[in-house]
Amino acid sequence: MAEPLLSIRSAQAYKLAHRLARRDGRSSADIVGRALGAYREARLESPVAFYVRPTNESGADLELDAAICENQKINFGSDLQ
């Protein structure tokens, strides 16, 4: 029996899945399947556990508020004059 085909309609998601698949030597369907599995597991996790996990996995203390503020870009809008 043939494997079901995966259809990715978002151009951005398609490019990202195929780029990761080439880099990791996997199929794009495997990449998407793993990502969806991780997403499902993350949704089952409490927010507190989610924010504690990166610190436990990396061994480094991560200040999320500082990281977010550091990478924010101010959008001043369009100059219509």
C-alpha atoms as a PDB file:
ATOM      1  CA  MET A   1       0.000   0.000   0.000  1.00  0.00           C
ATOM      2  CA  ALA A   2       1.372   3.415  -0.955  1.00  0.00           C
ATOM      3  CA  GLU A   3       2.171   6.028   1.675  1.00  0.00           C
ATOM      4  CA  PRO A   4      -0.245   8.970   1.777  1.00  0.00           C
ATOM      5  CA  LEU A   5       1.192  12.108   0.190  1.00  0.00           C
ATOM      6  CA  LEU A   6       1.710  15.286   2.152  1.00  0.00           C
ATOM      7  CA  SER A   7       0.394  18.516   0.656  1.00  0.00           C
ATOM      8  CA  ILE A   8       1.839  21.736   2.023  1.00  0.00           C
ATOM      9  CA  ARG A   9      -0.068  24.770   0.754  1.00  0.00           C
ATOM     10  CA  SER A  10       1.925  27.507   2.459  1.00  0.00           C
ATOM     11  CA  ALA A  11       4.926  28.503   0.328  1.00  0.00           C
ATOM     12  CA  GLN A  12       6.881  29.451   3.451  1.00  0.00           C
ATOM     13  CA  ALA A  13       6.129  26.130   5.191  1.00  0.00           C
ATOM     14  CA  TYR A  14       6.935  24.197   1.998  1.00  0.00           C
ATOM     15  CA  LYS A  15      10.339  25.870   1.590  1.00  0.00           C
ATOM     16  CA  LEU A  16      11.211  25.440   5.256  1.00  0.00           C
ATOM     17  CA  ALA A  17      10.170  21.765   5.357  1.00  0.00           C
ATOM     18  CA  HIS A  18      12.161  20.956   2.212  1.00  0.00           C
ATOM     19  CA  ARG A  19      15.226  22.899   3.368  1.00  0.00           C
ATOM     20  CA  LEU A  20      15.214  21.088   6.727  1.00  0.00           C
ATOM     21  CA  ALA A  21      14.642  17.754   4.996  1.00  0.00           C
ATOM     22  CA  ARG A  22      17.667  18.272   2.701  1.00  0.00           C
ATOM     23  CA  ARG A  23      19.831  19.402   5.616  1.00  0.00           C
ATOM     24  CA  ASP A  24      18.861  16.446   7.837  1.00  0.00           C
ATOM     25  CA  GLY A  25      18.698  13.823   5.077  1.00  0.00           C
ATOM     26  CA  ARG A  26      15.020  13.082   5.786  1.00  0.00           C
ATOM     27  CA  SER A  27      11.802  13.364   3.844  1.00  0.00           C
ATOM     28  CA  SER A  28       9.734  16.524   4.127  1.00  0.00           C
ATOM     29  CA  ALA A  29       6.829  14.371   5.353  1.00  0.00           C
ATOM     30  CA  ASP A  30       9.035  13.121   8.212  1.00  0.00           C
ATOM     31  CA  ILE A  31      10.047  16.687   9.096  1.00  0.00           C
ATOM     32  CA  VAL A  32       6.429  17.863   9.137  1.00  0.00           C
ATOM     33  CA  GLY A  33       5.307  14.795  11.093  1.00  0.00           C
ATOM     34  CA  ARG A  34       7.965  15.346  13.751  1.00  0.00           C
ATOM     35  CA  ALA A  35       7.107  19.052  13.971  1.00  0.00           C
ATOM     36  CA  LEU A  36       3.419  18.286  14.436  1.00  0.00           C
ATOM     37  CA  GLY A  37       4.252  15.703  17.097  1.00  0.00           C
ATOM     38  CA  ALA A  38       6.390  18.255  18.966  1.00  0.00           C
ATOM     39  CA  TYR A  39       3.597  20.814  18.638  1.00  0.00           C
ATOM     40  CA  ARG A  40       1.082  18.366  20.088  1.00  0.00           C
ATOM     41  CA  GLU A  41       3.388  17.547  23.002  1.00  0.00           C
ATOM     42  CA  ALA A  42       4.013  21.233  23.676  1.00  0.00           C
ATOM     43  CA  ARG A  43       0.273  21.915  23.816  1.00  0.00           C
ATOM     44  CA  LEU A  44      -0.109  19.204  26.455  1.00  0.00           C
ATOM     45  CA  GLU A  45       2.608  20.829  28.550  1.00  0.00           C
ATOM     46  CA  SER A  46       1.750  23.515  31.083  1.00  0.00           C
ATOM     47  CA  PRO A  47       3.110  27.008  30.351  1.00  0.00           C
ATOM     48  CA  VAL A  48       5.322  26.843  33.448  1.00  0.00           C
ATOM     49  CA  ALA A  49       6.850  23.545  32.334  1.00  0.00           C
ATOM     50  CA  PHE A  50       7.305  24.925  28.802  1.00  0.00           C
ATOM     51  CA  TYR A  51       9.312  27.917  30.037  1.00  0.00           C
ATOM     52  CA  VAL A  52      11.380  25.842  32.466  1.00  0.00           C
ATOM     53  CA  ARG A  53      12.331  23.190  29.884  1.00  0.00           C
ATOM     54  CA  PRO A  54      14.881  25.258  27.868  1.00  0.00           C
ATOM     55  CA  THR A  55      16.781  26.085  31.050  1.00  0.00           C
ATOM     56  CA  ASN A  56      16.843  22.447  32.114  1.00  0.00           C
ATOM     57  CA  GLU A  57      17.904  21.218  28.657  1.00  0.00           C
ATOM     58  CA  SER A  58      20.629  23.784  28.024  1.00  0.00           C
ATOM     59  CA  GLY A  59      21.892  24.240  31.549  1.00  0.00           C
ATOM     60  CA  ALA A  60      21.858  27.991  30.998  1.00  0.00           C
ATOM     61  CA  ASP A  61      19.524  30.451  32.633  1.00  0.00           C
ATOM     62  CA  LEU A  62      17.431  32.052  29.899  1.00  0.00           C
ATOM     63  CA  GLU A  63      15.699  35.343  30.578  1.00  0.00           C
ATOM     64  CA  LEU A  64      12.812  35.235  28.095  1.00  0.00           C
ATOM     65  CA  ASP A  65      11.644  38.799  28.655  1.00  0.00           C
ATOM     66  CA  ALA A  66      15.143  40.119  27.968  1.00  0.00           C
ATOM     67  CA  ALA A  67      15.506  37.946  24.855  1.00  0.00           C
ATOM     68  CA  ILE A  68      12.160  39.120  23.507  1.00  0.00           C
ATOM     69  CA  CYS A  69      12.878  42.797  24.193  1.00  0.00           C
ATOM     70  CA  GLU A  70      16.352  42.479  22.698  1.00  0.00           C
ATOM     71  CA  ASN A  71      14.968  41.160  19.411  1.00  0.00           C
ATOM     72  CA  GLN A  72      11.933  43.412  19.070  1.00  0.00           C
ATOM     73  CA  LYS A  73      11.946  45.887  16.230  1.00  0.00           C
ATOM     74  CA  ILE A  74       9.997  49.108  16.458  1.00  0.00           C
ATOM     75  CA  ASN A  75       7.690  49.718  13.515  1.00  0.00           C
ATOM     76  CA  PHE A  76       7.174  53.428  13.043  1.00  0.00           C
ATOM     77  CA  GLY A  77       4.668  52.843  10.247  1.00  0.00           C
ATOM     78  CA  SER A  78       4.696  54.344   6.781  1.00  0.00           C
ATOM     79  CA  ASP A  79       5.711  57.907   6.119  1.00  0.00           C
ATOM     80  CA  LEU A  80       2.772  59.210   4.109  1.00  0.00           C
ATOM     81  CA  GLN A  81       4.077  62.735   3.590  1.00  0.00           C
END
